[in-house]
PDB file of N, CA and C in Angstrom:
ATOM      1  N   MET A   1      -3.048   7.137  14.489  1.00  0.00           N
ATOM      2  CA  MET A   1      -2.148   6.464  13.579  1.00  0.00           C
ATOM      3  C   MET A   1      -0.846   7.241  13.498  1.00  0.00           C
ATOM      4  N   VAL A   2       0.262   6.545  13.486  1.00  0.00           N
ATOM      5  CA  VAL A   2       1.568   7.158  13.361  1.00  0.00           C
ATOM      6  C   VAL A   2       1.904   7.286  11.888  1.00  0.00           C
ATOM      7  N   SER A   3       2.147   8.504  11.438  1.00  0.00           N
ATOM      8  CA  SER A   3       2.491   8.730  10.043  1.00  0.00           C
ATOM      9  C   SER A   3       3.983   8.561   9.852  1.00  0.00           C
ATOM     10  N   GLU A   4       4.375   7.918   8.760  1.00  0.00           N
ATOM     11  CA  GLU A   4       5.775   7.617   8.517  1.00  0.00           C
ATOM     12  C   GLU A   4       6.349   8.422   7.353  1.00  0.00           C
ATOM     13  N   GLY A   5       5.822   9.603   7.074  1.00  0.00           N
ATOM     14  CA  GLY A   5       6.418  10.465   6.068  1.00  0.00           C
ATOM     15  C   GLY A   5       6.137  10.066   4.638  1.00  0.00           C
ATOM     16  N   ASN A   6       6.992   9.274   4.009  1.00  0.00           N
ATOM     17  CA  ASN A   6       6.905   8.974   2.585  1.00  0.00           C
ATOM     18  C   ASN A   6       6.049   7.754   2.287  1.00  0.00           C
ATOM     19  N   SER A   7       4.807   7.789   2.687  1.00  0.00           N
ATOM     20  CA  SER A   7       3.877   6.701   2.384  1.00  0.00           C
ATOM     21  C   SER A   7       3.028   7.075   1.183  1.00  0.00           C
ATOM     22  N   LEU A   8       2.699   6.083   0.385  1.00  0.00           N
ATOM     23  CA  LEU A   8       1.788   6.249  -0.729  1.00  0.00           C
ATOM     24  C   LEU A   8       0.405   5.822  -0.247  1.00  0.00           C
ATOM     25  N   ILE A   9      -0.555   6.721  -0.264  1.00  0.00           N
ATOM     26  CA  ILE A   9      -1.915   6.381   0.172  1.00  0.00           C
ATOM     27  C   ILE A   9      -2.628   5.691  -0.979  1.00  0.00           C
ATOM     28  N   LEU A  10      -2.966   4.415  -0.777  1.00  0.00           N
ATOM     29  CA  LEU A  10      -3.649   3.637  -1.804  1.00  0.00           C
ATOM     30  C   LEU A  10      -5.157   3.810  -1.726  1.00  0.00           C
ATOM     31  N   GLN A  11      -5.663   3.958  -0.504  1.00  0.00           N
ATOM     32  CA  GLN A  11      -7.104   4.147  -0.313  1.00  0.00           C
ATOM     33  C   GLN A  11      -7.327   4.931   0.970  1.00  0.00           C
ATOM     34  N   GLN A  12      -8.258   5.855   0.915  1.00  0.00           N
ATOM     35  CA  GLN A  12      -8.649   6.608   2.108  1.00  0.00           C
ATOM     36  C   GLN A  12     -10.153   6.812   1.998  1.00  0.00           C
ATOM     37  N   ARG A  13     -10.873   6.309   2.990  1.00  0.00           N
ATOM     38  CA  ARG A  13     -12.332   6.319   2.898  1.00  0.00           C
ATOM     39  C   ARG A  13     -12.939   6.659   4.254  1.00  0.00           C
ATOM     40  N   VAL A  14     -13.967   7.494   4.245  1.00  0.00           N
ATOM     41  CA  VAL A  14     -14.728   7.825   5.452  1.00  0.00           C
ATOM     42  C   VAL A  14     -16.190   7.583   5.130  1.00  0.00           C
ATOM     43  N   ILE A  15     -16.837   6.772   5.958  1.00  0.00           N
ATOM     44  CA  ILE A  15     -18.251   6.435   5.761  1.00  0.00           C
ATOM     45  C   ILE A  15     -19.013   6.780   7.031  1.00  0.00           C
ATOM     46  N   GLN A  16     -20.126   7.492   6.863  1.00  0.00           N
ATOM     47  CA  GLN A  16     -20.994   7.777   7.995  1.00  0.00           C
ATOM     48  C   GLN A  16     -22.207   6.863   7.870  1.00  0.00           C
ATOM     49  N   ASP A  17     -22.225   5.817   8.720  1.00  0.00           N
ATOM     50  CA  ASP A  17     -23.304   4.830   8.662  1.00  0.00           C
ATOM     51  C   ASP A  17     -24.650   5.453   9.017  1.00  0.00           C
ATOM     52  N   ASP A  18     -24.667   6.258  10.030  1.00  0.00           N
ATOM     53  CA  ASP A  18     -25.860   7.000  10.439  1.00  0.00           C
ATOM     54  C   ASP A  18     -25.378   8.280  11.117  1.00  0.00           C
ATOM     55  N   GLN A  19     -26.249   8.999  11.775  1.00  0.00           N
ATOM     56  CA  GLN A  19     -25.869  10.265  12.400  1.00  0.00           C
ATOM     57  C   GLN A  19     -24.856  10.091  13.523  1.00  0.00           C
ATOM     58  N   ALA A  20     -24.805   8.915  14.132  1.00  0.00           N
ATOM     59  CA  ALA A  20     -23.967   8.732  15.318  1.00  0.00           C
ATOM     60  C   ALA A  20     -22.722   7.883  15.089  1.00  0.00           C
ATOM     61  N   ALA A  21     -22.575   7.262  13.922  1.00  0.00           N
ATOM     62  CA  ALA A  21     -21.448   6.357  13.704  1.00  0.00           C
ATOM     63  C   ALA A  21     -20.619   6.811  12.500  1.00  0.00           C
ATOM     64  N   LEU A  22     -19.299   6.671  12.647  1.00  0.00           N
ATOM     65  CA  LEU A  22     -18.371   7.058  11.594  1.00  0.00           C
ATOM     66  C   LEU A  22     -17.302   5.980  11.475  1.00  0.00           C
ATOM     67  N   HIS A  23     -16.984   5.584  10.241  1.00  0.00           N
ATOM     68  CA  HIS A  23     -15.985   4.554   9.990  1.00  0.00           C
ATOM     69  C   HIS A  23     -14.939   5.133   9.040  1.00  0.00           C
ATOM     70  N   CYS A  24     -13.663   5.090   9.440  1.00  0.00           N
ATOM     71  CA  CYS A  24     -12.558   5.612   8.625  1.00  0.00           C
ATOM     72  C   CYS A  24     -11.603   4.467   8.300  1.00  0.00           C
ATOM     73  N   ARG A  25     -11.083   4.487   7.054  1.00  0.00           N
ATOM     74  CA  ARG A  25     -10.146   3.437   6.642  1.00  0.00           C
ATOM     75  C   ARG A  25      -9.068   4.048   5.760  1.00  0.00           C
ATOM     76  N   GLU A  26      -7.829   3.608   5.989  1.00  0.00           N
ATOM     77  CA  GLU A  26      -6.718   4.075   5.169  1.00  0.00           C
ATOM     78  C   GLU A  26      -5.773   2.914   4.900  1.00  0.00           C
ATOM     79  N   ILE A  27      -5.345   2.790   3.646  1.00  0.00           N
ATOM     80  CA  ILE A  27      -4.374   1.773   3.257  1.00  0.00           C
ATOM     81  C   ILE A  27      -3.187   2.501   2.639  1.00  0.00           C
ATOM     82  N   THR A  28      -1.992   2.232   3.177  1.00  0.00           N
ATOM     83  CA  THR A  28      -0.788   2.906   2.692  1.00  0.00           C
ATOM     84  C   THR A  28       0.286   1.890   2.330  1.00  0.00           C
ATOM     85  N   LEU A  29       1.210   2.328   1.488  1.00  0.00           N
ATOM     86  CA  LEU A  29       2.333   1.505   1.063  1.00  0.00           C
ATOM     87  C   LEU A  29       3.593   2.349   1.220  1.00  0.00           C
ATOM     88  N   ARG A  30       4.640   1.770   1.808  1.00  0.00           N
ATOM     89  CA  ARG A  30       5.887   2.517   2.002  1.00  0.00           C
ATOM     90  C   ARG A  30       7.072   1.556   2.022  1.00  0.00           C
ATOM     91  N   LEU A  31       8.258   2.123   1.843  1.00  0.00           N
ATOM     92  CA  LEU A  31       9.494   1.372   2.019  1.00  0.00           C
ATOM     93  C   LEU A  31       9.931   1.498   3.467  1.00  0.00           C
ATOM     94  N   SER A  32      10.541   0.454   3.995  1.00  0.00           N
ATOM     95  CA  SER A  32      11.096   0.513   5.348  1.00  0.00           C
ATOM     96  C   SER A  32      12.259   1.506   5.360  1.00  0.00           C
ATOM     97  N   ALA A  33      12.695   1.899   6.539  1.00  0.00           N
ATOM     98  CA  ALA A  33      13.775   2.879   6.684  1.00  0.00           C
ATOM     99  C   ALA A  33      15.053   2.435   5.970  1.00  0.00           C
ATOM    100  N   ASP A  34      15.333   1.137   5.961  1.00  0.00           N
ATOM    101  CA  ASP A  34      16.549   0.642   5.294  1.00  0.00           C
ATOM    102  C   ASP A  34      16.310   0.297   3.815  1.00  0.00           C
ATOM    103  N   CYS A  35      15.098   0.541   3.318  1.00  0.00           N
ATOM    104  CA  CYS A  35      14.703   0.305   1.916  1.00  0.00           C
ATOM    105  C   CYS A  35      14.788  -1.163   1.498  1.00  0.00           C
ATOM    106  N   ARG A  36      14.788  -2.075   2.438  1.00  0.00           N
ATOM    107  CA  ARG A  36      14.856  -3.501   2.113  1.00  0.00           C
ATOM    108  C   ARG A  36      13.494  -4.188   2.106  1.00  0.00           C
ATOM    109  N   HIS A  37      12.483  -3.532   2.674  1.00  0.00           N
ATOM    110  CA  HIS A  37      11.159  -4.141   2.780  1.00  0.00           C
ATOM    111  C   HIS A  37      10.085  -3.166   2.323  1.00  0.00           C
ATOM    112  N   LEU A  38       9.042  -3.734   1.747  1.00  0.00           N
ATOM    113  CA  LEU A  38       7.859  -2.980   1.382  1.00  0.00           C
ATOM    114  C   LEU A  38       6.820  -3.262   2.455  1.00  0.00           C
ATOM    115  N   VAL A  39       6.180  -2.207   2.970  1.00  0.00           N
ATOM    116  CA  VAL A  39       5.239  -2.352   4.078  1.00  0.00           C
ATOM    117  C   VAL A  39       3.867  -1.840   3.650  1.00  0.00           C
ATOM    118  N   LEU A  40       2.874  -2.709   3.698  1.00  0.00           N
ATOM    119  CA  LEU A  40       1.483  -2.364   3.430  1.00  0.00           C
ATOM    120  C   LEU A  40       0.784  -2.256   4.781  1.00  0.00           C
ATOM    121  N   THR A  41       0.183  -1.108   5.053  1.00  0.00           N
ATOM    122  CA  THR A  41      -0.477  -0.889   6.340  1.00  0.00           C
ATOM    123  C   THR A  41      -1.956  -0.614   6.115  1.00  0.00           C
ATOM    124  N   ARG A  42      -2.795  -1.306   6.893  1.00  0.00           N
ATOM    125  CA  ARG A  42      -4.251  -1.091   6.862  1.00  0.00           C
ATOM    126  C   ARG A  42      -4.669  -0.555   8.228  1.00  0.00           C
ATOM    127  N   TYR A  43      -5.274   0.614   8.237  1.00  0.00           N
ATOM    128  CA  TYR A  43      -5.659   1.270   9.481  1.00  0.00           C
ATOM    129  C   TYR A  43      -7.148   1.581   9.426  1.00  0.00           C
ATOM    130  N   THR A  44      -7.882   1.223  10.473  1.00  0.00           N
ATOM    131  CA  THR A  44      -9.309   1.537  10.542  1.00  0.00           C
ATOM    132  C   THR A  44      -9.647   2.150  11.892  1.00  0.00           C
ATOM    133  N   GLU A  45     -10.608   3.049  11.859  1.00  0.00           N
ATOM    134  CA  GLU A  45     -11.153   3.656  13.083  1.00  0.00           C
ATOM    135  C   GLU A  45     -12.664   3.574  12.999  1.00  0.00           C
ATOM    136  N   HIS A  46     -13.297   3.361  14.142  1.00  0.00           N
ATOM    137  CA  HIS A  46     -14.753   3.342  14.221  1.00  0.00           C
ATOM    138  C   HIS A  46     -15.173   4.203  15.403  1.00  0.00           C
ATOM    139  N   TYR A  47     -16.000   5.187  15.120  1.00  0.00           N
ATOM    140  CA  TYR A  47     -16.531   6.057  16.165  1.00  0.00           C
ATOM    141  C   TYR A  47     -18.027   5.811  16.265  1.00  0.00           C
ATOM    142  N   GLY A  48     -18.482   5.534  17.462  1.00  0.00           N
ATOM    143  CA  GLY A  48     -19.906   5.332  17.705  1.00  0.00           C
ATOM    144  C   GLY A  48     -20.295   5.961  19.025  1.00  0.00           C
ATOM    145  N   PRO A  49     -21.577   5.958  19.335  1.00  0.00           N
ATOM    146  CA  PRO A  49     -22.046   6.593  20.571  1.00  0.00           C
ATOM    147  C   PRO A  49     -21.443   5.950  21.827  1.00  0.00           C
ATOM    148  N   ALA A  50     -21.188   4.652  21.778  1.00  0.00           N
ATOM    149  CA  ALA A  50     -20.713   3.967  22.981  1.00  0.00           C
ATOM    150  C   ALA A  50     -19.240   3.575  22.906  1.00  0.00           C
ATOM    151  N   LEU A  51     -18.589   3.739  21.738  1.00  0.00           N
ATOM    152  CA  LEU A  51     -17.213   3.275  21.652  1.00  0.00           C
ATOM    153  C   LEU A  51     -16.426   4.020  20.586  1.00  0.00           C
ATOM    154  N   VAL A  52     -15.136   4.026  20.792  1.00  0.00           N
ATOM    155  CA  VAL A  52     -14.176   4.474  19.789  1.00  0.00           C
ATOM    156  C   VAL A  52     -13.098   3.411  19.756  1.00  0.00           C
ATOM    157  N   ARG A  53     -12.841   2.846  18.581  1.00  0.00           N
ATOM    158  CA  ARG A  53     -11.792   1.832  18.504  1.00  0.00           C
ATOM    159  C   ARG A  53     -11.029   1.999  17.198  1.00  0.00           C
ATOM    160  N   TRP A  54      -9.791   1.562  17.215  1.00  0.00           N
ATOM    161  CA  TRP A  54      -8.959   1.593  16.026  1.00  0.00           C
ATOM    162  C   TRP A  54      -8.078   0.363  16.008  1.00  0.00           C
ATOM    163  N   ILE A  55      -7.661   0.005  14.811  1.00  0.00           N
ATOM    164  CA  ILE A  55      -6.759  -1.128  14.666  1.00  0.00           C
ATOM    165  C   ILE A  55      -5.860  -0.857  13.457  1.00  0.00           C
ATOM    166  N   GLU A  56      -4.598  -1.265  13.578  1.00  0.00           N
ATOM    167  CA  GLU A  56      -3.642  -1.119  12.493  1.00  0.00           C
ATOM    168  C   GLU A  56      -2.973  -2.457  12.256  1.00  0.00           C
ATOM    169  N   ARG A  57      -2.967  -2.872  10.989  1.00  0.00           N
ATOM    170  CA  ARG A  57      -2.309  -4.127  10.608  1.00  0.00           C
ATOM    171  C   ARG A  57      -1.259  -3.795   9.558  1.00  0.00           C
ATOM    172  N   SER A  58      -0.061  -4.339   9.721  1.00  0.00           N
ATOM    173  CA  SER A  58       1.006  -4.118   8.753  1.00  0.00           C
ATOM    174  C   SER A  58       1.474  -5.454   8.190  1.00  0.00           C
ATOM    175  N   HIS A  59       1.720  -5.456   6.893  1.00  0.00           N
ATOM    176  CA  HIS A  59       2.216  -6.635   6.198  1.00  0.00           C
ATOM    177  C   HIS A  59       3.533  -6.236   5.541  1.00  0.00           C
ATOM    178  N   THR A  60       4.580  -7.021   5.771  1.00  0.00           N
ATOM    179  CA  THR A  60       5.920  -6.686   5.283  1.00  0.00           C
ATOM    180  C   THR A  60       6.439  -7.788   4.374  1.00  0.00           C
ATOM    181  N   VAL A  61       7.079  -7.371   3.282  1.00  0.00           N
ATOM    182  CA  VAL A  61       7.702  -8.329   2.368  1.00  0.00           C
ATOM    183  C   VAL A  61       9.054  -7.761   1.931  1.00  0.00           C
ATOM    184  N   SER A  62      10.014  -8.641   1.778  1.00  0.00           N
ATOM    185  CA  SER A  62      11.338  -8.262   1.290  1.00  0.00           C
ATOM    186  C   SER A  62      11.216  -7.772  -0.150  1.00  0.00           C
ATOM    187  N   VAL A  63      11.831  -6.636  -0.468  1.00  0.00           N
ATOM    188  CA  VAL A  63      11.803  -6.114  -1.830  1.00  0.00           C
ATOM    189  C   VAL A  63      12.464  -7.110  -2.786  1.00  0.00           C
ATOM    190  N   THR A  64      13.556  -7.713  -2.364  1.00  0.00           N
ATOM    191  CA  THR A  64      14.235  -8.721  -3.186  1.00  0.00           C
ATOM    192  C   THR A  64      13.299  -9.887  -3.497  1.00  0.00           C
ATOM    193  N   GLU A  65      12.628 -10.406  -2.475  1.00  0.00           N
ATOM    194  CA  GLU A  65      11.706 -11.526  -2.681  1.00  0.00           C
ATOM    195  C   GLU A  65      10.519 -11.118  -3.552  1.00  0.00           C
ATOM    196  N   LEU A  66      10.047  -9.893  -3.386  1.00  0.00           N
ATOM    197  CA  LEU A  66       8.942  -9.400  -4.201  1.00  0.00           C
ATOM    198  C   LEU A  66       9.342  -9.360  -5.675  1.00  0.00           C
ATOM    199  N   PHE A  67      10.535  -8.850  -5.979  1.00  0.00           N
ATOM    200  CA  PHE A  67      10.994  -8.806  -7.368  1.00  0.00           C
ATOM    201  C   PHE A  67      11.228 -10.205  -7.928  1.00  0.00           C
ATOM    202  N   ARG A  68      11.753 -11.116  -7.119  1.00  0.00           N
ATOM    203  CA  ARG A  68      11.923 -12.506  -7.583  1.00  0.00           C
ATOM    204  C   ARG A  68      10.579 -13.129  -7.931  1.00  0.00           C
ATOM    205  N   TRP A  69       9.573 -12.900  -7.068  1.00  0.00           N
ATOM    206  CA  TRP A  69       8.233 -13.416  -7.328  1.00  0.00           C
ATOM    207  C   TRP A  69       7.659 -12.793  -8.593  1.00  0.00           C
ATOM    208  N   LEU A  70       7.849 -11.490  -8.769  1.00  0.00           N
ATOM    209  CA  LEU A  70       7.320 -10.793  -9.931  1.00  0.00           C
ATOM    210  C   LEU A  70       7.922 -11.336 -11.228  1.00  0.00           C
ATOM    211  N   VAL A  71       9.224 -11.550 -11.245  1.00  0.00           N
ATOM    212  CA  VAL A  71       9.881 -12.094 -12.433  1.00  0.00           C
ATOM    213  C   VAL A  71       9.401 -13.521 -12.713  1.00  0.00           C
ATOM    214  N   ALA A  72       9.240 -14.323 -11.671  1.00  0.00           N
ATOM    215  CA  ALA A  72       8.820 -15.717 -11.837  1.00  0.00           C
ATOM    216  C   ALA A  72       7.341 -15.853 -12.202  1.00  0.00           C
ATOM    217  N   ASN A  73       6.495 -14.928 -11.737  1.00  0.00           N
ATOM    218  CA  ASN A  73       5.052 -15.103 -11.880  1.00  0.00           C
ATOM    219  C   ASN A  73       4.337 -14.031 -12.689  1.00  0.00           C
ATOM    220  N   GLY A  74       4.998 -12.931 -12.959  1.00  0.00           N
ATOM    221  CA  GLY A  74       4.347 -11.834 -13.670  1.00  0.00           C
ATOM    222  C   GLY A  74       4.292 -12.073 -15.167  1.00  0.00           C
ATOM    223  N   GLU A  75       3.433 -11.314 -15.834  1.00  0.00           N
ATOM    224  CA  GLU A  75       3.347 -11.386 -17.286  1.00  0.00           C
ATOM    225  C   GLU A  75       4.550 -10.670 -17.884  1.00  0.00           C
ATOM    226  N   THR A  76       5.064 -11.219 -18.969  1.00  0.00           N
ATOM    227  CA  THR A  76       6.242 -10.650 -19.619  1.00  0.00           C
ATOM    228  C   THR A  76       5.853  -9.956 -20.907  1.00  0.00           C
ATOM    229  N   ASP A  77       6.276  -8.719 -21.063  1.00  0.00           N
ATOM    230  CA  ASP A  77       6.145  -7.988 -22.323  1.00  0.00           C
ATOM    231  C   ASP A  77       7.550  -7.770 -22.841  1.00  0.00           C
ATOM    232  N   VAL A  78       7.769  -8.069 -24.115  1.00  0.00           N
ATOM    233  CA  VAL A  78       9.088  -7.886 -24.718  1.00  0.00           C
ATOM    234  C   VAL A  78       8.978  -6.800 -25.779  1.00  0.00           C
ATOM    235  N   ILE A  79       9.833  -5.815 -25.660  1.00  0.00           N
ATOM    236  CA  ILE A  79       9.898  -4.751 -26.653  1.00  0.00           C
ATOM    237  C   ILE A  79      11.301  -4.790 -27.226  1.00  0.00           C
ATOM    238  N   LYS A  80      11.376  -4.824 -28.557  1.00  0.00           N
ATOM    239  CA  LYS A  80      12.668  -4.950 -29.195  1.00  0.00           C
ATOM    240  C   LYS A  80      12.799  -3.885 -30.271  1.00  0.00           C
ATOM    241  N   ALA A  81      13.960  -3.289 -30.341  1.00  0.00           N
ATOM    242  CA  ALA A  81      14.234  -2.306 -31.378  1.00  0.00           C
ATOM    243  C   ALA A  81      15.543  -2.697 -32.057  1.00  0.00           C
ATOM    244  N   ASP A  82      15.517  -2.716 -33.376  1.00  0.00           N
ATOM    245  CA  ASP A  82      16.733  -2.945 -34.141  1.00  0.00           C
ATOM    246  C   ASP A  82      17.144  -1.610 -34.740  1.00  0.00           C
ATOM    247  N   SER A  83      18.396  -1.321 -34.644  1.00  0.00           N
ATOM    248  CA  SER A  83      18.910  -0.046 -35.135  1.00  0.00           C
ATOM    249  C   SER A  83      19.720  -0.265 -36.398  1.00  0.00           C
ATOM    250  N   GLU A  84      19.394   0.482 -37.453  1.00  0.00           N
ATOM    251  CA  GLU A  84      20.182   0.467 -38.685  1.00  0.00           C
ATOM    252  C   GLU A  84      20.678   1.869 -38.913  1.00  0.00           C
ATOM    253  N   GLN A  85      21.917   1.981 -39.344  1.00  0.00           N
ATOM    254  CA  GLN A  85      22.447   3.294 -39.644  1.00  0.00           C
ATOM    255  C   GLN A  85      21.939   3.733 -41.001  1.00  0.00           C
ATOM    256  N   LEU A  86      21.488   4.960 -41.056  1.00  0.00           N
ATOM    257  CA  LEU A  86      20.994   5.514 -42.322  1.00  0.00           C
ATOM    258  C   LEU A  86      22.163   6.134 -43.080  1.00  0.00           C
ATOM    259  N   PRO A  87      22.119   6.051 -44.444  1.00  0.00           N
ATOM    260  CA  PRO A  87      23.225   6.636 -45.231  1.00  0.00           C
ATOM    261  C   PRO A  87      23.279   8.139 -45.104  1.00  0.00           C
TER     262      PRO A  87
END
């Protein structure tokens, strides 16, 4: 797997199914180099007696579109403070 420096690791898991098989999984989140896209990457490796394989899948979304979706679909909390001057 190619590491891209400033990634946030969301999940990292290693499972040994039996004495001969090992399964590794990592999910990371990072900003693209131009900071315009958020990239979620899922990487898995499987080691067994007869094979070694890995696969990496990346999902990209525009940060602008993500924030528009969040404002349109997210829950809203309103916090309000009124200020009065004390004598």
